[in-house]
């Protein structure tokens, strides 16, 4: 889903619906979270984290994998491959805080990330 969103995100809302449909992602729980105070807090926290990145972000999306920026061109070209490198031992291991955050995600997304991280 994330890789789909990266490919063509000129109109993010349309891209979200298209990618969700293509990947069988149930969107109601995502929309409910997005429209909630919790969603606003997540946006704030991640916005602050984006502004705190060093080196500073030069474009959006800038993707961090386990807190590191790595080579953005490579991540944008092959997100899945880069995630696999990080979690397979060729990069930093996810810590318990990352796993706790994954546990709070909606069902299908959570199951996919646990599959990658374990």
N, C-alpha and C. Protein backbone atom coordinates (compact mmCIF):
# COMPACT_ATOMS: atom_id res chain seq x y z
N UNK A 1 0.83 -1.19 0.00
CA UNK A 1 0.00 0.00 0.00
C UNK A 1 0.87 1.25 0.00
N UNK A 2 1.89 1.28 0.85
CA UNK A 2 2.76 2.46 0.92
C UNK A 2 3.49 2.64 -0.41
N UNK A 3 4.03 1.57 -0.97
CA UNK A 3 4.73 1.67 -2.25
C UNK A 3 3.78 2.18 -3.33
N UNK A 4 2.55 1.75 -3.32
CA UNK A 4 1.54 2.22 -4.27
C UNK A 4 1.31 3.71 -4.09
N UNK A 5 1.22 4.16 -2.86
CA UNK A 5 0.98 5.58 -2.58
C UNK A 5 2.17 6.44 -3.04
N UNK A 6 3.37 5.91 -2.97
CA UNK A 6 4.55 6.67 -3.36
C UNK A 6 4.61 6.86 -4.88
N UNK A 7 4.19 5.84 -5.62
CA UNK A 7 4.31 5.88 -7.07
C UNK A 7 3.59 7.06 -7.71
N UNK A 8 2.39 7.36 -7.26
CA UNK A 8 1.60 8.41 -7.90
C UNK A 8 0.78 9.09 -6.84
N UNK A 9 1.33 10.14 -6.24
CA UNK A 9 0.64 10.78 -5.12
C UNK A 9 0.35 12.25 -5.35
N UNK A 10 0.15 12.63 -6.61
CA UNK A 10 -0.14 14.03 -6.91
C UNK A 10 -1.44 14.47 -6.25
N UNK A 11 -2.44 13.61 -6.27
CA UNK A 11 -3.70 13.87 -5.56
C UNK A 11 -3.83 12.77 -4.49
N UNK A 12 -3.26 13.01 -3.29
CA UNK A 12 -3.15 11.96 -2.27
C UNK A 12 -4.46 11.26 -1.93
N UNK A 13 -5.56 12.00 -1.82
CA UNK A 13 -6.84 11.38 -1.46
C UNK A 13 -7.27 10.35 -2.51
N UNK A 14 -7.18 10.71 -3.79
CA UNK A 14 -7.55 9.78 -4.86
C UNK A 14 -6.61 8.59 -4.87
N UNK A 15 -5.33 8.86 -4.66
CA UNK A 15 -4.34 7.79 -4.64
C UNK A 15 -4.61 6.82 -3.50
N UNK A 16 -4.99 7.36 -2.35
CA UNK A 16 -5.31 6.52 -1.19
C UNK A 16 -6.45 5.55 -1.53
N UNK A 17 -7.53 6.06 -2.09
CA UNK A 17 -8.68 5.20 -2.41
C UNK A 17 -8.31 4.15 -3.47
N UNK A 18 -7.56 4.57 -4.49
CA UNK A 18 -7.16 3.64 -5.54
C UNK A 18 -6.27 2.54 -4.98
N UNK A 19 -5.26 2.93 -4.22
CA UNK A 19 -4.31 1.95 -3.66
C UNK A 19 -5.00 1.01 -2.66
N UNK A 20 -5.87 1.57 -1.85
CA UNK A 20 -6.60 0.73 -0.89
C UNK A 20 -7.42 -0.33 -1.62
N UNK A 21 -8.08 0.09 -2.68
CA UNK A 21 -8.89 -0.87 -3.46
C UNK A 21 -8.00 -1.92 -4.11
N UNK A 22 -6.90 -1.49 -4.72
CA UNK A 22 -5.98 -2.42 -5.39
C UNK A 22 -5.39 -3.44 -4.43
N UNK A 23 -5.18 -3.05 -3.17
CA UNK A 23 -4.50 -3.92 -2.21
C UNK A 23 -5.44 -4.52 -1.17
N UNK A 24 -6.74 -4.33 -1.36
CA UNK A 24 -7.71 -4.94 -0.45
C UNK A 24 -7.65 -4.40 0.96
N UNK A 25 -7.28 -3.14 1.11
CA UNK A 25 -7.19 -2.53 2.43
C UNK A 25 -8.54 -1.93 2.80
N UNK A 26 -9.02 -2.27 3.98
CA UNK A 26 -10.29 -1.75 4.49
C UNK A 26 -10.05 -0.32 4.94
N UNK A 27 -10.74 0.64 4.30
CA UNK A 27 -10.42 2.05 4.52
C UNK A 27 -11.20 2.71 5.65
N UNK A 28 -12.31 2.15 6.07
CA UNK A 28 -13.13 2.82 7.08
C UNK A 28 -12.37 3.03 8.39
N UNK A 29 -11.63 2.04 8.84
CA UNK A 29 -10.90 2.21 10.11
C UNK A 29 -9.77 3.25 9.96
N UNK A 30 -9.17 3.32 8.77
CA UNK A 30 -8.14 4.33 8.54
C UNK A 30 -8.76 5.72 8.55
N UNK A 31 -9.89 5.87 7.86
CA UNK A 31 -10.58 7.17 7.84
C UNK A 31 -11.03 7.58 9.24
N UNK A 32 -11.53 6.61 10.00
CA UNK A 32 -11.98 6.89 11.36
C UNK A 32 -10.81 7.39 12.22
N UNK A 33 -9.67 6.75 12.10
CA UNK A 33 -8.48 7.18 12.85
C UNK A 33 -8.03 8.55 12.38
N UNK A 34 -7.99 8.75 11.08
CA UNK A 34 -7.55 10.02 10.51
C UNK A 34 -8.40 11.18 11.02
N UNK A 35 -9.69 10.97 11.13
CA UNK A 35 -10.62 12.02 11.54
C UNK A 35 -10.73 12.19 13.06
N UNK A 36 -10.00 11.39 13.81
CA UNK A 36 -10.11 11.40 15.27
C UNK A 36 -9.03 12.27 15.91
N UNK A 37 -9.18 12.59 17.19
CA UNK A 37 -8.10 13.29 17.90
C UNK A 37 -6.79 12.49 17.89
N UNK A 38 -6.91 11.17 17.94
CA UNK A 38 -5.71 10.32 17.89
C UNK A 38 -4.99 10.51 16.55
N UNK A 39 -5.75 10.59 15.46
CA UNK A 39 -5.16 10.83 14.14
C UNK A 39 -4.46 12.17 14.08
N UNK A 40 -5.08 13.20 14.66
CA UNK A 40 -4.46 14.53 14.70
C UNK A 40 -3.17 14.49 15.50
N UNK A 41 -3.16 13.75 16.59
CA UNK A 41 -1.96 13.64 17.42
C UNK A 41 -0.86 12.90 16.67
N UNK A 42 -1.22 11.83 15.95
CA UNK A 42 -0.22 11.10 15.16
C UNK A 42 0.39 12.01 14.10
N UNK A 43 -0.45 12.81 13.43
CA UNK A 43 0.04 13.74 12.42
C UNK A 43 1.00 14.75 13.04
N UNK A 44 0.66 15.26 14.21
CA UNK A 44 1.51 16.23 14.92
C UNK A 44 2.85 15.59 15.30
N UNK A 45 2.79 14.43 15.90
CA UNK A 45 4.02 13.76 16.36
C UNK A 45 4.94 13.46 15.18
N UNK A 46 4.38 12.95 14.09
CA UNK A 46 5.22 12.61 12.94
C UNK A 46 5.70 13.85 12.20
N UNK A 47 4.91 14.92 12.23
CA UNK A 47 5.36 16.20 11.67
C UNK A 47 6.55 16.73 12.44
N UNK A 48 6.48 16.66 13.76
CA UNK A 48 7.59 17.10 14.59
C UNK A 48 8.83 16.23 14.35
N UNK A 49 8.61 14.94 14.20
CA UNK A 49 9.73 14.03 13.93
C UNK A 49 10.37 14.35 12.58
N UNK A 50 9.55 14.70 11.60
CA UNK A 50 10.06 15.07 10.28
C UNK A 50 10.93 16.32 10.38
N UNK A 51 10.46 17.32 11.11
CA UNK A 51 11.23 18.55 11.26
C UNK A 51 12.52 18.34 12.04
N UNK A 52 12.57 17.32 12.88
CA UNK A 52 13.76 17.05 13.69
C UNK A 52 14.81 16.21 12.97
N UNK A 53 14.47 15.65 11.81
CA UNK A 53 15.42 14.78 11.10
C UNK A 53 16.69 15.53 10.72
N UNK A 54 17.81 14.85 10.88
CA UNK A 54 19.11 15.37 10.47
C UNK A 54 19.81 14.29 9.68
N UNK A 55 20.21 14.51 8.45
CA UNK A 55 20.08 15.79 7.77
C UNK A 55 18.62 16.16 7.55
N UNK A 56 18.38 17.46 7.39
CA UNK A 56 17.03 17.96 7.22
C UNK A 56 16.39 17.38 5.95
N UNK A 57 15.09 17.21 6.01
CA UNK A 57 14.33 16.70 4.88
C UNK A 57 14.39 17.71 3.73
N UNK A 58 14.64 17.20 2.52
CA UNK A 58 14.69 18.07 1.35
C UNK A 58 13.51 17.86 0.43
N UNK A 59 12.78 16.77 0.63
CA UNK A 59 11.57 16.54 -0.15
C UNK A 59 10.66 15.58 0.60
N UNK A 60 9.39 15.58 0.19
CA UNK A 60 8.39 14.69 0.77
C UNK A 60 7.88 13.79 -0.35
N UNK A 61 7.77 12.48 -0.15
CA UNK A 61 7.99 11.81 1.13
C UNK A 61 9.46 11.48 1.37
N UNK A 62 9.91 11.72 2.58
CA UNK A 62 11.19 11.22 3.04
C UNK A 62 10.84 10.06 3.96
N UNK A 63 11.38 8.92 3.68
CA UNK A 63 11.03 7.71 4.41
C UNK A 63 12.20 7.31 5.30
N UNK A 64 11.90 7.10 6.57
CA UNK A 64 12.93 6.58 7.48
C UNK A 64 12.61 5.13 7.76
N UNK A 65 13.64 4.35 7.86
CA UNK A 65 13.49 2.94 8.21
C UNK A 65 14.22 2.75 9.53
N UNK A 66 13.46 2.48 10.55
CA UNK A 66 13.98 2.30 11.90
C UNK A 66 14.80 3.52 12.34
N UNK A 67 14.31 4.70 11.98
CA UNK A 67 14.93 5.94 12.42
C UNK A 67 16.02 6.49 11.53
N UNK A 68 16.44 5.76 10.50
CA UNK A 68 17.50 6.22 9.62
C UNK A 68 16.94 6.54 8.24
N UNK A 69 17.54 7.54 7.57
CA UNK A 69 17.06 7.96 6.25
C UNK A 69 17.59 7.09 5.11
N UNK A 70 18.73 6.48 5.26
CA UNK A 70 19.33 5.66 4.21
C UNK A 70 19.38 6.44 2.89
N UNK A 71 19.32 5.77 1.76
CA UNK A 71 19.38 6.41 0.44
C UNK A 71 17.94 6.53 -0.08
N UNK A 72 17.42 7.74 -0.07
CA UNK A 72 16.02 7.95 -0.42
C UNK A 72 15.67 7.49 -1.84
N UNK A 73 16.56 7.71 -2.80
CA UNK A 73 16.28 7.26 -4.17
C UNK A 73 16.05 5.76 -4.21
N UNK A 74 16.85 5.03 -3.46
CA UNK A 74 16.72 3.58 -3.41
C UNK A 74 15.42 3.16 -2.72
N UNK A 75 15.09 3.83 -1.63
CA UNK A 75 13.86 3.50 -0.90
C UNK A 75 12.64 3.78 -1.77
N UNK A 76 12.63 4.92 -2.46
CA UNK A 76 11.49 5.26 -3.30
C UNK A 76 11.37 4.32 -4.50
N UNK A 77 12.49 3.81 -4.97
CA UNK A 77 12.47 2.88 -6.10
C UNK A 77 12.06 1.48 -5.67
N UNK A 78 12.51 1.05 -4.48
CA UNK A 78 12.25 -0.31 -4.01
C UNK A 78 12.04 -0.33 -2.50
N UNK A 79 10.90 0.18 -2.07
CA UNK A 79 10.59 0.26 -0.64
C UNK A 79 10.65 -1.12 0.00
N UNK A 80 9.98 -2.09 -0.59
CA UNK A 80 9.92 -3.42 -0.02
C UNK A 80 11.31 -4.03 0.14
N UNK A 81 12.14 -3.89 -0.88
CA UNK A 81 13.50 -4.44 -0.80
C UNK A 81 14.31 -3.79 0.29
N UNK A 82 14.17 -2.48 0.45
CA UNK A 82 14.90 -1.78 1.50
C UNK A 82 14.40 -2.17 2.89
N UNK A 83 13.10 -2.30 3.06
CA UNK A 83 12.55 -2.75 4.34
C UNK A 83 13.09 -4.14 4.66
N UNK A 84 13.09 -5.01 3.67
CA UNK A 84 13.59 -6.37 3.89
C UNK A 84 15.06 -6.37 4.30
N UNK A 85 15.88 -5.49 3.70
CA UNK A 85 17.28 -5.40 4.09
C UNK A 85 17.43 -4.99 5.54
N UNK A 86 16.62 -4.03 5.96
CA UNK A 86 16.72 -3.55 7.34
C UNK A 86 16.30 -4.63 8.32
N UNK A 87 15.19 -5.30 8.06
CA UNK A 87 14.68 -6.26 9.03
C UNK A 87 15.34 -7.63 8.93
N UNK A 88 16.09 -7.87 7.87
CA UNK A 88 16.74 -9.18 7.74
C UNK A 88 18.13 -9.21 8.33
N UNK A 89 18.52 -8.13 8.99
CA UNK A 89 19.81 -8.14 9.65
C UNK A 89 20.88 -7.32 8.96
N UNK A 90 20.60 -6.81 7.77
CA UNK A 90 21.59 -5.97 7.09
C UNK A 90 21.41 -4.51 7.46
N UNK A 91 20.61 -4.25 8.46
CA UNK A 91 20.36 -2.90 8.95
C UNK A 91 20.00 -3.00 10.41
N UNK A 92 19.62 -1.88 11.04
CA UNK A 92 19.27 -1.92 12.45
C UNK A 92 18.00 -2.73 12.69
N UNK A 93 17.96 -3.44 13.80
CA UNK A 93 16.78 -4.23 14.16
C UNK A 93 15.71 -3.32 14.75
N UNK A 94 14.43 -3.63 14.49
CA UNK A 94 13.37 -2.84 15.12
C UNK A 94 13.38 -3.09 16.62
N UNK A 95 13.18 -2.02 17.39
CA UNK A 95 13.16 -2.19 18.84
C UNK A 95 11.73 -2.39 19.32
N UNK A 96 11.56 -2.57 20.62
CA UNK A 96 10.25 -2.87 21.18
C UNK A 96 9.26 -1.74 20.97
N UNK A 97 9.75 -0.48 20.92
CA UNK A 97 8.84 0.65 20.68
C UNK A 97 8.24 0.57 19.28
N UNK A 98 9.04 0.20 18.29
CA UNK A 98 8.54 0.05 16.93
C UNK A 98 7.48 -1.05 16.90
N UNK A 99 7.77 -2.17 17.53
CA UNK A 99 6.81 -3.28 17.54
C UNK A 99 5.53 -2.88 18.28
N UNK A 100 5.63 -2.10 19.34
CA UNK A 100 4.44 -1.62 20.05
C UNK A 100 3.60 -0.73 19.14
N UNK A 101 4.24 0.13 18.34
CA UNK A 101 3.50 0.98 17.41
C UNK A 101 2.80 0.14 16.35
N UNK A 102 3.48 -0.89 15.85
CA UNK A 102 2.88 -1.77 14.85
C UNK A 102 1.64 -2.46 15.42
N UNK A 103 1.70 -2.85 16.68
CA UNK A 103 0.56 -3.53 17.31
C UNK A 103 -0.70 -2.66 17.35
N UNK A 104 -0.54 -1.34 17.25
CA UNK A 104 -1.67 -0.42 17.33
C UNK A 104 -2.28 -0.12 15.95
N UNK A 105 -1.68 -0.62 14.88
CA UNK A 105 -2.17 -0.34 13.53
C UNK A 105 -3.40 -1.19 13.21
N UNK A 106 -4.19 -0.76 12.19
CA UNK A 106 -5.34 -1.56 11.76
C UNK A 106 -4.90 -2.95 11.29
N UNK A 107 -5.81 -3.92 11.38
CA UNK A 107 -5.58 -5.34 11.16
C UNK A 107 -4.68 -5.75 10.01
N UNK A 108 -5.07 -5.49 8.76
CA UNK A 108 -4.32 -5.99 7.62
C UNK A 108 -2.93 -5.38 7.56
N UNK A 109 -2.83 -4.10 7.81
CA UNK A 109 -1.52 -3.43 7.81
C UNK A 109 -0.65 -4.00 8.92
N UNK A 110 -1.23 -4.19 10.10
CA UNK A 110 -0.49 -4.74 11.24
C UNK A 110 0.04 -6.13 10.92
N UNK A 111 -0.81 -6.99 10.35
CA UNK A 111 -0.38 -8.35 10.03
C UNK A 111 0.76 -8.34 9.02
N UNK A 112 0.69 -7.45 8.02
CA UNK A 112 1.74 -7.37 7.01
C UNK A 112 3.07 -6.91 7.61
N UNK A 113 3.02 -5.92 8.49
CA UNK A 113 4.25 -5.43 9.09
C UNK A 113 4.83 -6.45 10.08
N UNK A 114 3.99 -7.16 10.83
CA UNK A 114 4.51 -8.18 11.73
C UNK A 114 5.19 -9.28 10.92
N UNK A 115 4.62 -9.60 9.76
CA UNK A 115 5.23 -10.61 8.91
C UNK A 115 6.63 -10.17 8.50
N UNK A 116 6.78 -8.88 8.15
CA UNK A 116 8.09 -8.35 7.75
C UNK A 116 9.06 -8.29 8.91
N UNK A 117 8.57 -7.91 10.10
CA UNK A 117 9.45 -7.67 11.23
C UNK A 117 9.85 -8.93 11.99
N UNK A 118 9.14 -10.01 11.78
CA UNK A 118 9.45 -11.24 12.53
C UNK A 118 10.00 -12.32 11.66
